[in-house]
Amino acid sequence: MGRYTEQELRDIFYDALDFFNEALDSGITRDNTVLAFFTPDNGLEVYERFCREHFPKNLDEDYKVEGYFQSFAAQAFVDRGQYGVMIRADTGFRLPELHRVFLHEISHLFCCENEIE
């Protein structure tokens, strides 16, 4: 079990998004961003469900490799104006580290939408 509940992680993520938007007004909002929570034990199931429902092109990624869901704390997804982040629910990061992780993922969302044609 991590330091935070899923609701706390959700609130912390959206606080980071608000902070990001104060600087860049990115167009990434609570309304067009979906979050999913996983642990290494259920990561494959969560990833496949999340991608089937929201980001089907990501099912072509090499996500079944051993250790994949132990290798990250959060992962960003983008598809035609919809944004998503899978967040590791059992993270032990302190709040400043968690803010840094979430701002990093939000930056990926922003860059994918604004730099890749």
PDB file of N, CA and C in Angstrom:
ATOM      1  N   MET A   1       0.848  -1.188   0.000  1.00  0.00           N
ATOM      2  CA  MET A   1       0.000   0.000   0.000  1.00  0.00           C
ATOM      3  C   MET A   1       0.887   1.243   0.000  1.00  0.00           C
ATOM      4  N   GLY A   2       0.510   2.230  -0.767  1.00  0.00           N
ATOM      5  CA  GLY A   2       1.272   3.464  -0.867  1.00  0.00           C
ATOM      6  C   GLY A   2       0.889   4.459   0.210  1.00  0.00           C
ATOM      7  N   ARG A   3       1.428   5.626   0.078  1.00  0.00           N
ATOM      8  CA  ARG A   3       1.165   6.706   1.033  1.00  0.00           C
ATOM      9  C   ARG A   3      -0.199   7.345   0.838  1.00  0.00           C
ATOM     10  N   TYR A   4      -0.784   7.184  -0.351  1.00  0.00           N
ATOM     11  CA  TYR A   4      -1.949   7.975  -0.740  1.00  0.00           C
ATOM     12  C   TYR A   4      -3.101   7.075  -1.175  1.00  0.00           C
ATOM     13  N   THR A   5      -4.314   7.571  -0.970  1.00  0.00           N
ATOM     14  CA  THR A   5      -5.483   6.909  -1.540  1.00  0.00           C
ATOM     15  C   THR A   5      -5.593   7.327  -3.007  1.00  0.00           C
ATOM     16  N   GLU A   6      -6.406   6.622  -3.767  1.00  0.00           N
ATOM     17  CA  GLU A   6      -6.617   7.017  -5.160  1.00  0.00           C
ATOM     18  C   GLU A   6      -7.206   8.421  -5.243  1.00  0.00           C
ATOM     19  N   GLN A   7      -8.095   8.767  -4.337  1.00  0.00           N
ATOM     20  CA  GLN A   7      -8.670  10.119  -4.357  1.00  0.00           C
ATOM     21  C   GLN A   7      -7.606  11.169  -4.059  1.00  0.00           C
ATOM     22  N   GLU A   8      -6.722  10.875  -3.133  1.00  0.00           N
ATOM     23  CA  GLU A   8      -5.629  11.819  -2.855  1.00  0.00           C
ATOM     24  C   GLU A   8      -4.722  11.980  -4.072  1.00  0.00           C
ATOM     25  N   LEU A   9      -4.404  10.870  -4.731  1.00  0.00           N
ATOM     26  CA  LEU A   9      -3.585  10.946  -5.941  1.00  0.00           C
ATOM     27  C   LEU A   9      -4.289  11.755  -7.026  1.00  0.00           C
ATOM     28  N   ARG A  10      -5.577  11.535  -7.173  1.00  0.00           N
ATOM     29  CA  ARG A  10      -6.378  12.282  -8.148  1.00  0.00           C
ATOM     30  C   ARG A  10      -6.310  13.781  -7.835  1.00  0.00           C
ATOM     31  N   ASP A  11      -6.528  14.133  -6.578  1.00  0.00           N
ATOM     32  CA  ASP A  11      -6.500  15.545  -6.171  1.00  0.00           C
ATOM     33  C   ASP A  11      -5.119  16.162  -6.397  1.00  0.00           C
ATOM     34  N   ILE A  12      -4.073  15.431  -6.057  1.00  0.00           N
ATOM     35  CA  ILE A  12      -2.707  15.925  -6.246  1.00  0.00           C
ATOM     36  C   ILE A  12      -2.420  16.107  -7.740  1.00  0.00           C
ATOM     37  N   PHE A  13      -2.864  15.152  -8.557  1.00  0.00           N
ATOM     38  CA  PHE A  13      -2.660  15.285 -10.001  1.00  0.00           C
ATOM     39  C   PHE A  13      -3.361  16.535 -10.533  1.00  0.00           C
ATOM     40  N   TYR A  14      -4.617  16.722 -10.161  1.00  0.00           N
ATOM     41  CA  TYR A  14      -5.352  17.875 -10.689  1.00  0.00           C
ATOM     42  C   TYR A  14      -4.826  19.195 -10.130  1.00  0.00           C
ATOM     43  N   ASP A  15      -4.274  19.189  -8.924  1.00  0.00           N
ATOM     44  CA  ASP A  15      -3.590  20.391  -8.422  1.00  0.00           C
ATOM     45  C   ASP A  15      -2.375  20.705  -9.296  1.00  0.00           C
ATOM     46  N   ALA A  16      -1.623  19.675  -9.671  1.00  0.00           N
ATOM     47  CA  ALA A  16      -0.465  19.874 -10.553  1.00  0.00           C
ATOM     48  C   ALA A  16      -0.919  20.376 -11.924  1.00  0.00           C
ATOM     49  N   LEU A  17      -2.032  19.845 -12.417  1.00  0.00           N
ATOM     50  CA  LEU A  17      -2.563  20.305 -13.703  1.00  0.00           C
ATOM     51  C   LEU A  17      -2.972  21.772 -13.630  1.00  0.00           C
ATOM     52  N   ASP A  18      -3.622  22.163 -12.543  1.00  0.00           N
ATOM     53  CA  ASP A  18      -3.993  23.574 -12.364  1.00  0.00           C
ATOM     54  C   ASP A  18      -2.751  24.458 -12.355  1.00  0.00           C
ATOM     55  N   PHE A  19      -1.713  24.021 -11.666  1.00  0.00           N
ATOM     56  CA  PHE A  19      -0.454  24.766 -11.613  1.00  0.00           C
ATOM     57  C   PHE A  19       0.149  24.907 -13.017  1.00  0.00           C
ATOM     58  N   PHE A  20       0.166  23.808 -13.758  1.00  0.00           N
ATOM     59  CA  PHE A  20       0.692  23.807 -15.125  1.00  0.00           C
ATOM     60  C   PHE A  20      -0.092  24.790 -15.995  1.00  0.00           C
ATOM     61  N   ASN A  21      -1.411  24.765 -15.861  1.00  0.00           N
ATOM     62  CA  ASN A  21      -2.254  25.626 -16.691  1.00  0.00           C
ATOM     63  C   ASN A  21      -2.157  27.097 -16.316  1.00  0.00           C
ATOM     64  N   GLU A  22      -1.782  27.392 -15.092  1.00  0.00           N
ATOM     65  CA  GLU A  22      -1.550  28.796 -14.730  1.00  0.00           C
ATOM     66  C   GLU A  22      -0.427  29.380 -15.577  1.00  0.00           C
ATOM     67  N   ALA A  23       0.545  28.563 -15.911  1.00  0.00           N
ATOM     68  CA  ALA A  23       1.682  29.027 -16.708  1.00  0.00           C
ATOM     69  C   ALA A  23       1.415  28.937 -18.208  1.00  0.00           C
ATOM     70  N   LEU A  24       0.751  27.886 -18.657  1.00  0.00           N
ATOM     71  CA  LEU A  24       0.662  27.629 -20.097  1.00  0.00           C
ATOM     72  C   LEU A  24      -0.750  27.599 -20.669  1.00  0.00           C
ATOM     73  N   ASP A  25      -1.776  27.577 -19.843  1.00  0.00           N
ATOM     74  CA  ASP A  25      -3.145  27.484 -20.357  1.00  0.00           C
ATOM     75  C   ASP A  25      -3.210  26.455 -21.489  1.00  0.00           C
ATOM     76  N   SER A  26      -2.908  25.231 -21.147  1.00  0.00           N
ATOM     77  CA  SER A  26      -2.634  24.170 -22.110  1.00  0.00           C
ATOM     78  C   SER A  26      -3.845  23.628 -22.851  1.00  0.00           C
ATOM     79  N   GLY A  27      -5.028  23.812 -22.318  1.00  0.00           N
ATOM     80  CA  GLY A  27      -6.192  23.159 -22.899  1.00  0.00           C
ATOM     81  C   GLY A  27      -6.410  21.755 -22.347  1.00  0.00           C
ATOM     82  N   ILE A  28      -5.494  21.291 -21.541  1.00  0.00           N
ATOM     83  CA  ILE A  28      -5.643  20.004 -20.852  1.00  0.00           C
ATOM     84  C   ILE A  28      -6.420  20.298 -19.577  1.00  0.00           C
ATOM     85  N   THR A  29      -7.563  19.662 -19.424  1.00  0.00           N
ATOM     86  CA  THR A  29      -8.450  19.980 -18.310  1.00  0.00           C
ATOM     87  C   THR A  29      -8.880  18.718 -17.575  1.00  0.00           C
ATOM     88  N   ARG A  30      -9.558  18.934 -16.487  1.00  0.00           N
ATOM     89  CA  ARG A  30     -10.139  17.810 -15.742  1.00  0.00           C
ATOM     90  C   ARG A  30     -11.177  17.085 -16.593  1.00  0.00           C
ATOM     91  N   ASP A  31     -11.843  17.835 -17.461  1.00  0.00           N
ATOM     92  CA  ASP A  31     -12.909  17.254 -18.282  1.00  0.00           C
ATOM     93  C   ASP A  31     -12.390  16.406 -19.437  1.00  0.00           C
ATOM     94  N   ASN A  32     -11.188  16.694 -19.938  1.00  0.00           N
ATOM     95  CA  ASN A  32     -10.686  15.915 -21.073  1.00  0.00           C
ATOM     96  C   ASN A  32      -9.493  15.029 -20.694  1.00  0.00           C
ATOM     97  N   THR A  33      -9.338  14.799 -19.400  1.00  0.00           N
ATOM     98  CA  THR A  33      -8.251  13.949 -18.905  1.00  0.00           C
ATOM     99  C   THR A  33      -8.830  12.832 -18.050  1.00  0.00           C
ATOM    100  N   VAL A  34      -8.480  11.608 -18.393  1.00  0.00           N
ATOM    101  CA  VAL A  34      -8.917  10.456 -17.608  1.00  0.00           C
ATOM    102  C   VAL A  34      -7.711   9.877 -16.876  1.00  0.00           C
ATOM    103  N   LEU A  35      -7.949   9.423 -15.679  1.00  0.00           N
ATOM    104  CA  LEU A  35      -6.900   8.820 -14.860  1.00  0.00           C
ATOM    105  C   LEU A  35      -7.247   7.366 -14.584  1.00  0.00           C
ATOM    106  N   ALA A  36      -6.233   6.544 -14.501  1.00  0.00           N
ATOM    107  CA  ALA A  36      -6.390   5.151 -14.090  1.00  0.00           C
ATOM    108  C   ALA A  36      -5.290   4.855 -13.081  1.00  0.00           C
ATOM    109  N   PHE A  37      -5.594   3.995 -12.146  1.00  0.00           N
ATOM    110  CA  PHE A  37      -4.655   3.666 -11.071  1.00  0.00           C
ATOM    111  C   PHE A  37      -4.314   2.185 -11.141  1.00  0.00           C
ATOM    112  N   PHE A  38      -3.036   1.888 -10.957  1.00  0.00           N
ATOM    113  CA  PHE A  38      -2.579   0.510 -11.075  1.00  0.00           C
ATOM    114  C   PHE A  38      -1.525   0.213 -10.021  1.00  0.00           C
ATOM    115  N   THR A  39      -1.291  -1.056  -9.825  1.00  0.00           N
ATOM    116  CA  THR A  39      -0.141  -1.559  -9.078  1.00  0.00           C
ATOM    117  C   THR A  39       0.580  -2.532 -10.015  1.00  0.00           C
ATOM    118  N   PRO A  40       1.799  -2.900  -9.708  1.00  0.00           N
ATOM    119  CA  PRO A  40       2.458  -3.881 -10.572  1.00  0.00           C
ATOM    120  C   PRO A  40       1.651  -5.176 -10.722  1.00  0.00           C
ATOM    121  N   ASP A  41       0.897  -5.540  -9.701  1.00  0.00           N
ATOM    122  CA  ASP A  41       0.120  -6.778  -9.758  1.00  0.00           C
ATOM    123  C   ASP A  41      -1.051  -6.717 -10.729  1.00  0.00           C
ATOM    124  N   ASN A  42      -1.684  -5.559 -10.867  1.00  0.00           N
ATOM    125  CA  ASN A  42      -2.846  -5.475 -11.760  1.00  0.00           C
ATOM    126  C   ASN A  42      -2.586  -4.580 -12.975  1.00  0.00           C
ATOM    127  N   GLY A  43      -1.337  -4.180 -13.180  1.00  0.00           N
ATOM    128  CA  GLY A  43      -0.990  -3.234 -14.235  1.00  0.00           C
ATOM    129  C   GLY A  43      -1.404  -3.673 -15.625  1.00  0.00           C
ATOM    130  N   LEU A  44      -1.185  -4.927 -15.965  1.00  0.00           N
ATOM    131  CA  LEU A  44      -1.539  -5.419 -17.297  1.00  0.00           C
ATOM    132  C   LEU A  44      -3.039  -5.276 -17.539  1.00  0.00           C
ATOM    133  N   GLU A  45      -3.831  -5.718 -16.581  1.00  0.00           N
ATOM    134  CA  GLU A  45      -5.292  -5.636 -16.701  1.00  0.00           C
ATOM    135  C   GLU A  45      -5.761  -4.181 -16.808  1.00  0.00           C
ATOM    136  N   VAL A  46      -5.227  -3.312 -15.950  1.00  0.00           N
ATOM    137  CA  VAL A  46      -5.618  -1.897 -15.961  1.00  0.00           C
ATOM    138  C   VAL A  46      -5.208  -1.252 -17.281  1.00  0.00           C
ATOM    139  N   TYR A  47      -3.987  -1.507 -17.728  1.00  0.00           N
ATOM    140  CA  TYR A  47      -3.487  -0.934 -18.985  1.00  0.00           C
ATOM    141  C   TYR A  47      -4.387  -1.334 -20.151  1.00  0.00           C
ATOM    142  N   GLU A  48      -4.680  -2.609 -20.264  1.00  0.00           N
ATOM    143  CA  GLU A  48      -5.486  -3.083 -21.391  1.00  0.00           C
ATOM    144  C   GLU A  48      -6.894  -2.507 -21.355  1.00  0.00           C
ATOM    145  N   ARG A  49      -7.501  -2.437 -20.203  1.00  0.00           N
ATOM    146  CA  ARG A  49      -8.844  -1.857 -20.091  1.00  0.00           C
ATOM    147  C   ARG A  49      -8.810  -0.361 -20.419  1.00  0.00           C
ATOM    148  N   PHE A  50      -7.849   0.352 -19.836  1.00  0.00           N
ATOM    149  CA  PHE A  50      -7.697   1.793 -20.050  1.00  0.00           C
ATOM    150  C   PHE A  50      -7.499   2.095 -21.537  1.00  0.00           C
ATOM    151  N   CYS A  51      -6.635   1.331 -22.174  1.00  0.00           N
ATOM    152  CA  CYS A  51      -6.363   1.559 -23.595  1.00  0.00           C
ATOM    153  C   CYS A  51      -7.544   1.149 -24.473  1.00  0.00           C
ATOM    154  N   ARG A  52      -8.181   0.040 -24.179  1.00  0.00           N
ATOM    155  CA  ARG A  52      -9.364  -0.357 -24.965  1.00  0.00           C
ATOM    156  C   ARG A  52     -10.422   0.735 -24.928  1.00  0.00           C
ATOM    157  N   GLU A  53     -10.634   1.323 -23.747  1.00  0.00           N
ATOM    158  CA  GLU A  53     -11.687   2.320 -23.574  1.00  0.00           C
ATOM    159  C   GLU A  53     -11.306   3.692 -24.119  1.00  0.00           C
ATOM    160  N   HIS A  54     -10.026   4.067 -24.052  1.00  0.00           N
ATOM    161  CA  HIS A  54      -9.653   5.450 -24.345  1.00  0.00           C
ATOM    162  C   HIS A  54      -8.514   5.623 -25.353  1.00  0.00           C
ATOM    163  N   PHE A  55      -7.558   4.716 -25.389  1.00  0.00           N
ATOM    164  CA  PHE A  55      -6.334   4.909 -26.179  1.00  0.00           C
ATOM    165  C   PHE A  55      -5.945   3.620 -26.903  1.00  0.00           C
ATOM    166  N   PRO A  56      -6.793   3.146 -27.810  1.00  0.00           N
ATOM    167  CA  PRO A  56      -6.568   1.830 -28.423  1.00  0.00           C
ATOM    168  C   PRO A  56      -5.240   1.691 -29.170  1.00  0.00           C
ATOM    169  N   LYS A  57      -4.708   2.772 -29.713  1.00  0.00           N
ATOM    170  CA  LYS A  57      -3.433   2.658 -30.443  1.00  0.00           C
ATOM    171  C   LYS A  57      -2.293   2.216 -29.519  1.00  0.00           C
ATOM    172  N   ASN A  58      -2.427   2.463 -28.221  1.00  0.00           N
ATOM    173  CA  ASN A  58      -1.377   2.073 -27.277  1.00  0.00           C
ATOM    174  C   ASN A  58      -1.355   0.576 -27.001  1.00  0.00           C
ATOM    175  N   LEU A  59      -2.363  -0.146 -27.459  1.00  0.00           N
ATOM    176  CA  LEU A  59      -2.337  -1.597 -27.309  1.00  0.00           C
ATOM    177  C   LEU A  59      -1.279  -2.227 -28.215  1.00  0.00           C
ATOM    178  N   ASP A  60      -0.737  -1.444 -29.146  1.00  0.00           N
ATOM    179  CA  ASP A  60       0.340  -1.926 -30.010  1.00  0.00           C
ATOM    180  C   ASP A  60       1.718  -1.778 -29.371  1.00  0.00           C
ATOM    181  N   GLU A  61       1.791  -1.128 -28.233  1.00  0.00           N
ATOM    182  CA  GLU A  61       3.070  -0.929 -27.537  1.00  0.00           C
ATOM    183  C   GLU A  61       3.543  -2.243 -26.910  1.00  0.00           C
ATOM    184  N   ASP A  62       4.800  -2.294 -26.527  1.00  0.00           N
ATOM    185  CA  ASP A  62       5.397  -3.494 -25.935  1.00  0.00           C
ATOM    186  C   ASP A  62       5.232  -3.476 -24.409  1.00  0.00           C
ATOM    187  N   TYR A  63       3.990  -3.520 -23.956  1.00  0.00           N
ATOM    188  CA  TYR A  63       3.690  -3.381 -22.534  1.00  0.00           C
ATOM    189  C   TYR A  63       3.672  -4.713 -21.786  1.00  0.00           C
ATOM    190  N   LYS A  64       3.799  -5.824 -22.485  1.00  0.00           N
ATOM    191  CA  LYS A  64       3.726  -7.130 -21.825  1.00  0.00           C
ATOM    192  C   LYS A  64       5.087  -7.649 -21.368  1.00  0.00           C
ATOM    193  N   VAL A  65       6.129  -6.876 -21.615  1.00  0.00           N
ATOM    194  CA  VAL A  65       7.467  -7.289 -21.208  1.00  0.00           C
ATOM    195  C   VAL A  65       7.537  -7.371 -19.676  1.00  0.00           C
ATOM    196  N   GLU A  66       8.247  -8.357 -19.184  1.00  0.00           N
ATOM    197  CA  GLU A  66       8.355  -8.560 -17.738  1.00  0.00           C
ATOM    198  C   GLU A  66       8.929  -7.319 -17.056  1.00  0.00           C
ATOM    199  N   GLY A  67       8.315  -6.920 -15.973  1.00  0.00           N
ATOM    200  CA  GLY A  67       8.782  -5.783 -15.191  1.00  0.00           C
ATOM    201  C   GLY A  67       8.286  -4.431 -15.669  1.00  0.00           C
ATOM    202  N   TYR A  68       7.518  -4.420 -16.753  1.00  0.00           N
ATOM    203  CA  TYR A  68       7.069  -3.150 -17.338  1.00  0.00           C
ATOM    204  C   TYR A  68       6.343  -2.277 -16.320  1.00  0.00           C
ATOM    205  N   PHE A  69       5.439  -2.857 -15.568  1.00  0.00           N
ATOM    206  CA  PHE A  69       4.610  -2.068 -14.653  1.00  0.00           C
ATOM    207  C   PHE A  69       5.305  -1.745 -13.332  1.00  0.00           C
ATOM    208  N   GLN A  70       6.525  -2.234 -13.168  1.00  0.00           N
ATOM    209  CA  GLN A  70       7.353  -1.809 -12.047  1.00  0.00           C
ATOM    210  C   GLN A  70       8.277  -0.668 -12.450  1.00  0.00           C
ATOM    211  N   SER A  71       8.305  -0.330 -13.734  1.00  0.00           N
ATOM    212  CA  SER A  71       9.323   0.587 -14.252  1.00  0.00           C
ATOM    213  C   SER A  71       8.909   2.055 -14.264  1.00  0.00           C
ATOM    214  N   PHE A  72       7.686   2.370 -13.883  1.00  0.00           N
ATOM    215  CA  PHE A  72       7.267   3.775 -13.905  1.00  0.00           C
ATOM    216  C   PHE A  72       6.239   4.066 -12.818  1.00  0.00           C
ATOM    217  N   ALA A  73       6.169   5.345 -12.444  1.00  0.00           N
ATOM    218  CA  ALA A  73       5.197   5.801 -11.446  1.00  0.00           C
ATOM    219  C   ALA A  73       3.951   6.365 -12.105  1.00  0.00           C
ATOM    220  N   ALA A  74       4.093   6.827 -13.341  1.00  0.00           N
ATOM    221  CA  ALA A  74       2.960   7.354 -14.097  1.00  0.00           C
ATOM    222  C   ALA A  74       3.326   7.324 -15.572  1.00  0.00           C
ATOM    223  N   GLN A  75       2.302   7.234 -16.415  1.00  0.00           N
ATOM    224  CA  GLN A  75       2.523   7.212 -17.857  1.00  0.00           C
ATOM    225  C   GLN A  75       1.420   7.999 -18.540  1.00  0.00           C
ATOM    226  N   ALA A  76       1.811   8.859 -19.491  1.00  0.00           N
ATOM    227  CA  ALA A  76       0.878   9.733 -20.199  1.00  0.00           C
ATOM    228  C   ALA A  76       0.389   9.087 -21.494  1.00  0.00           C
ATOM    229  N   PHE A  77      -0.854   9.410 -21.860  1.00  0.00           N
ATOM    230  CA  PHE A  77      -1.487   8.930 -23.090  1.00  0.00           C
ATOM    231  C   PHE A  77      -2.201  10.102 -23.756  1.00  0.00           C
ATOM    232  N   VAL A  78      -2.136  10.159 -25.084  1.00  0.00           N
ATOM    233  CA  VAL A  78      -2.814  11.222 -25.835  1.00  0.00           C
ATOM    234  C   VAL A  78      -3.451  10.602 -27.070  1.00  0.00           C
ATOM    235  N   ASP A  79      -4.675  11.027 -27.364  1.00  0.00           N
ATOM    236  CA  ASP A  79      -5.326  10.605 -28.601  1.00  0.00           C
ATOM    237  C   ASP A  79      -6.398  11.615 -28.977  1.00  0.00           C
ATOM    238  N   ARG A  80      -6.133  12.413 -29.986  1.00  0.00           N
ATOM    239  CA  ARG A  80      -7.097  13.362 -30.558  1.00  0.00           C
ATOM    240  C   ARG A  80      -7.840  14.193 -29.513  1.00  0.00           C
ATOM    241  N   GLY A  81      -7.114  14.931 -28.718  1.00  0.00           N
ATOM    242  CA  GLY A  81      -7.736  15.837 -27.764  1.00  0.00           C
ATOM    243  C   GLY A  81      -8.206  15.199 -26.474  1.00  0.00           C
ATOM    244  N   GLN A  82      -7.990  13.913 -26.319  1.00  0.00           N
ATOM    245  CA  GLN A  82      -8.268  13.257 -25.043  1.00  0.00           C
ATOM    246  C   GLN A  82      -6.924  12.896 -24.426  1.00  0.00           C
ATOM    247  N   TYR A  83      -6.845  13.101 -23.142  1.00  0.00           N
ATOM    248  CA  TYR A  83      -5.608  12.880 -22.410  1.00  0.00           C
ATOM    249  C   TYR A  83      -5.850  11.862 -21.311  1.00  0.00           C
ATOM    250  N   GLY A  84      -4.804  11.127 -20.976  1.00  0.00           N
ATOM    251  CA  GLY A  84      -4.913  10.169 -19.894  1.00  0.00           C
ATOM    252  C   GLY A  84      -3.580   9.966 -19.214  1.00  0.00           C
ATOM    253  N   VAL A  85      -3.655   9.562 -17.967  1.00  0.00           N
ATOM    254  CA  VAL A  85      -2.455   9.214 -17.217  1.00  0.00           C
ATOM    255  C   VAL A  85      -2.776   7.996 -16.361  1.00  0.00           C
ATOM    256  N   MET A  86      -1.930   6.985 -16.478  1.00  0.00           N
ATOM    257  CA  MET A  86      -1.976   5.851 -15.560  1.00  0.00           C
ATOM    258  C   MET A  86      -1.025   6.171 -14.425  1.00  0.00           C
ATOM    259  N   ILE A  87      -1.527   6.046 -13.203  1.00  0.00           N
ATOM    260  CA  ILE A  87      -0.766   6.418 -12.011  1.00  0.00           C
ATOM    261  C   ILE A  87      -0.595   5.190 -11.123  1.00  0.00           C
ATOM    262  N   ARG A  88       0.618   4.967 -10.702  1.00  0.00           N
ATOM    263  CA  ARG A  88       0.886   3.842  -9.805  1.00  0.00           C
ATOM    264  C   ARG A  88       0.315   4.153  -8.424  1.00  0.00           C
ATOM    265  N   ALA A  89      -0.630   3.337  -7.991  1.00  0.00           N
ATOM    266  CA  ALA A  89      -1.380   3.595  -6.757  1.00  0.00           C
ATOM    267  C   ALA A  89      -0.572   3.317  -5.496  1.00  0.00           C
ATOM    268  N   ASP A  90       0.467   2.516  -5.606  1.00  0.00           N
ATOM    269  CA  ASP A  90       1.232   2.149  -4.408  1.00  0.00           C
ATOM    270  C   ASP A  90       2.548   2.917  -4.301  1.00  0.00           C
ATOM    271  N   THR A  91       2.598   4.089  -4.910  1.00  0.00           N
ATOM    272  CA  THR A  91       3.824   4.878  -4.863  1.00  0.00           C
ATOM    273  C   THR A  91       4.153   5.299  -3.437  1.00  0.00           C
ATOM    274  N   GLY A  92       5.427   5.318  -3.146  1.00  0.00           N
ATOM    275  CA  GLY A  92       5.888   5.781  -1.839  1.00  0.00           C
ATOM    276  C   GLY A  92       6.504   7.167  -1.902  1.00  0.00           C
ATOM    277  N   PHE A  93       6.361   7.839  -3.044  1.00  0.00           N
ATOM    278  CA  PHE A  93       6.961   9.163  -3.204  1.00  0.00           C
ATOM    279  C   PHE A  93       6.394  10.158  -2.207  1.00  0.00           C
ATOM    280  N   ARG A  94       7.272  11.035  -1.758  1.00  0.00           N
ATOM    281  CA  ARG A  94       6.812  12.165  -0.955  1.00  0.00           C
ATOM    282  C   ARG A  94       6.122  13.155  -1.886  1.00  0.00           C
ATOM    283  N   LEU A  95       5.374  14.078  -1.311  1.00  0.00           N
ATOM    284  CA  LEU A  95       4.565  15.005  -2.101  1.00  0.00           C
ATOM    285  C   LEU A  95       5.383  15.798  -3.130  1.00  0.00           C
ATOM    286  N   PRO A  96       6.544  16.372  -2.791  1.00  0.00           N
ATOM    287  CA  PRO A  96       7.305  17.108  -3.817  1.00  0.00           C
ATOM    288  C   PRO A  96       7.716  16.227  -5.003  1.00  0.00           C
ATOM    289  N   GLU A  97       8.093  14.982  -4.716  1.00  0.00           N
ATOM    290  CA  GLU A  97       8.458  14.059  -5.795  1.00  0.00           C
ATOM    291  C   GLU A  97       7.248  13.731  -6.654  1.00  0.00           C
ATOM    292  N   LEU A  98       6.114  13.547  -6.012  1.00  0.00           N
ATOM    293  CA  LEU A  98       4.888  13.232  -6.733  1.00  0.00           C
ATOM    294  C   LEU A  98       4.463  14.396  -7.629  1.00  0.00           C
ATOM    295  N   HIS A  99       4.578  15.616  -7.124  1.00  0.00           N
ATOM    296  CA  HIS A  99       4.299  16.787  -7.971  1.00  0.00           C
ATOM    297  C   HIS A  99       5.209  16.784  -9.195  1.00  0.00           C
ATOM    298  N   ARG A 100       6.477  16.486  -8.995  1.00  0.00           N
ATOM    299  CA  ARG A 100       7.441  16.460 -10.099  1.00  0.00           C
ATOM    300  C   ARG A 100       7.051  15.393 -11.130  1.00  0.00           C
ATOM    301  N   VAL A 101       6.668  14.216 -10.662  1.00  0.00           N
ATOM    302  CA  VAL A 101       6.235  13.141 -11.566  1.00  0.00           C
ATOM    303  C   VAL A 101       5.011  13.588 -12.361  1.00  0.00           C
ATOM    304  N   PHE A 102       4.036  14.161 -11.680  1.00  0.00           N
ATOM    305  CA  PHE A 102       2.809  14.557 -12.372  1.00  0.00           C
ATOM    306  C   PHE A 102       3.058  15.700 -13.350  1.00  0.00           C
ATOM    307  N   LEU A 103       3.863  16.670 -12.977  1.00  0.00           N
ATOM    308  CA  LEU A 103       4.191  17.757 -13.906  1.00  0.00           C
ATOM    309  C   LEU A 103       4.951  17.222 -15.124  1.00  0.00           C
ATOM    310  N   HIS A 104       5.782  16.238 -14.911  1.00  0.00           N
ATOM    311  CA  HIS A 104       6.501  15.594 -16.015  1.00  0.00           C
ATOM    312  C   HIS A 104       5.510  14.955 -16.988  1.00  0.00           C
ATOM    313  N   GLU A 105       4.548  14.215 -16.466  1.00  0.00           N
ATOM    314  CA  GLU A 105       3.556  13.552 -17.327  1.00  0.00           C
ATOM    315  C   GLU A 105       2.663  14.571 -18.029  1.00  0.00           C
ATOM    316  N   ILE A 106       2.271  15.620 -17.327  1.00  0.00           N
ATOM    317  CA  ILE A 106       1.457  16.673 -17.942  1.00  0.00           C
ATOM    318  C   ILE A 106       2.242  17.342 -19.063  1.00  0.00           C
ATOM    319  N   SER A 107       3.538  17.514 -18.873  1.00  0.00           N
ATOM    320  CA  SER A 107       4.388  18.067 -19.936  1.00  0.00           C
ATOM    321  C   SER A 107       4.383  17.159 -21.162  1.00  0.00           C
ATOM    322  N   HIS A 108       4.414  15.850 -20.950  1.00  0.00           N
ATOM    323  CA  HIS A 108       4.306  14.913 -22.078  1.00  0.00           C
ATOM    324  C   HIS A 108       2.989  15.119 -22.815  1.00  0.00           C
ATOM    325  N   LEU A 109       1.900  15.241 -22.075  1.00  0.00           N
ATOM    326  CA  LEU A 109       0.599  15.462 -22.711  1.00  0.00           C
ATOM    327  C   LEU A 109       0.645  16.713 -23.583  1.00  0.00           C
ATOM    328  N   PHE A 110       1.161  17.779 -23.014  1.00  0.00           N
ATOM    329  CA  PHE A 110       1.241  19.058 -23.717  1.00  0.00           C
ATOM    330  C   PHE A 110       2.116  18.950 -24.966  1.00  0.00           C
ATOM    331  N   CYS A 111       3.285  18.350 -24.825  1.00  0.00           N
ATOM    332  CA  CYS A 111       4.213  18.252 -25.954  1.00  0.00           C
ATOM    333  C   CYS A 111       3.667  17.357 -27.062  1.00  0.00           C
ATOM    334  N   CYS A 112       3.056  16.255 -26.699  1.00  0.00           N
ATOM    335  CA  CYS A 112       2.494  15.360 -27.717  1.00  0.00           C
ATOM    336  C   CYS A 112       1.414  16.072 -28.525  1.00  0.00           C
ATOM    337  N   GLU A 113       0.625  16.846 -27.876  1.00  0.00           N
ATOM    338  CA  GLU A 113      -0.464  17.542 -28.561  1.00  0.00           C
ATOM    339  C   GLU A 113       0.046  18.725 -29.376  1.00  0.00           C
ATOM    340  N   ASN A 114       1.101  19.371 -28.948  1.00  0.00           N
ATOM    341  CA  ASN A 114       1.528  20.619 -29.574  1.00  0.00           C
ATOM    342  C   ASN A 114       2.767  20.519 -30.453  1.00  0.00           C
ATOM    343  N   GLU A 115       3.498  19.420 -30.403  1.00  0.00           N
ATOM    344  CA  GLU A 115       4.731  19.336 -31.179  1.00  0.00           C
ATOM    345  C   GLU A 115       4.741  18.223 -32.206  1.00  0.00           C
ATOM    346  N   ILE A 116       3.890  17.241 -32.065  1.00  0.00           N
ATOM    347  CA  ILE A 116       3.914  16.096 -32.969  1.00  0.00           C
ATOM    348  C   ILE A 116       2.752  16.211 -33.945  1.00  0.00           C
ATOM    349  N   GLU A 117       3.060  16.184 -35.207  1.00  0.00           N
ATOM    350  CA  GLU A 117       2.034  16.258 -36.258  1.00  0.00           C
ATOM    351  C   GLU A 117       1.691  14.861 -36.719  1.00  0.00           C
TER     352      GLU A 117
END
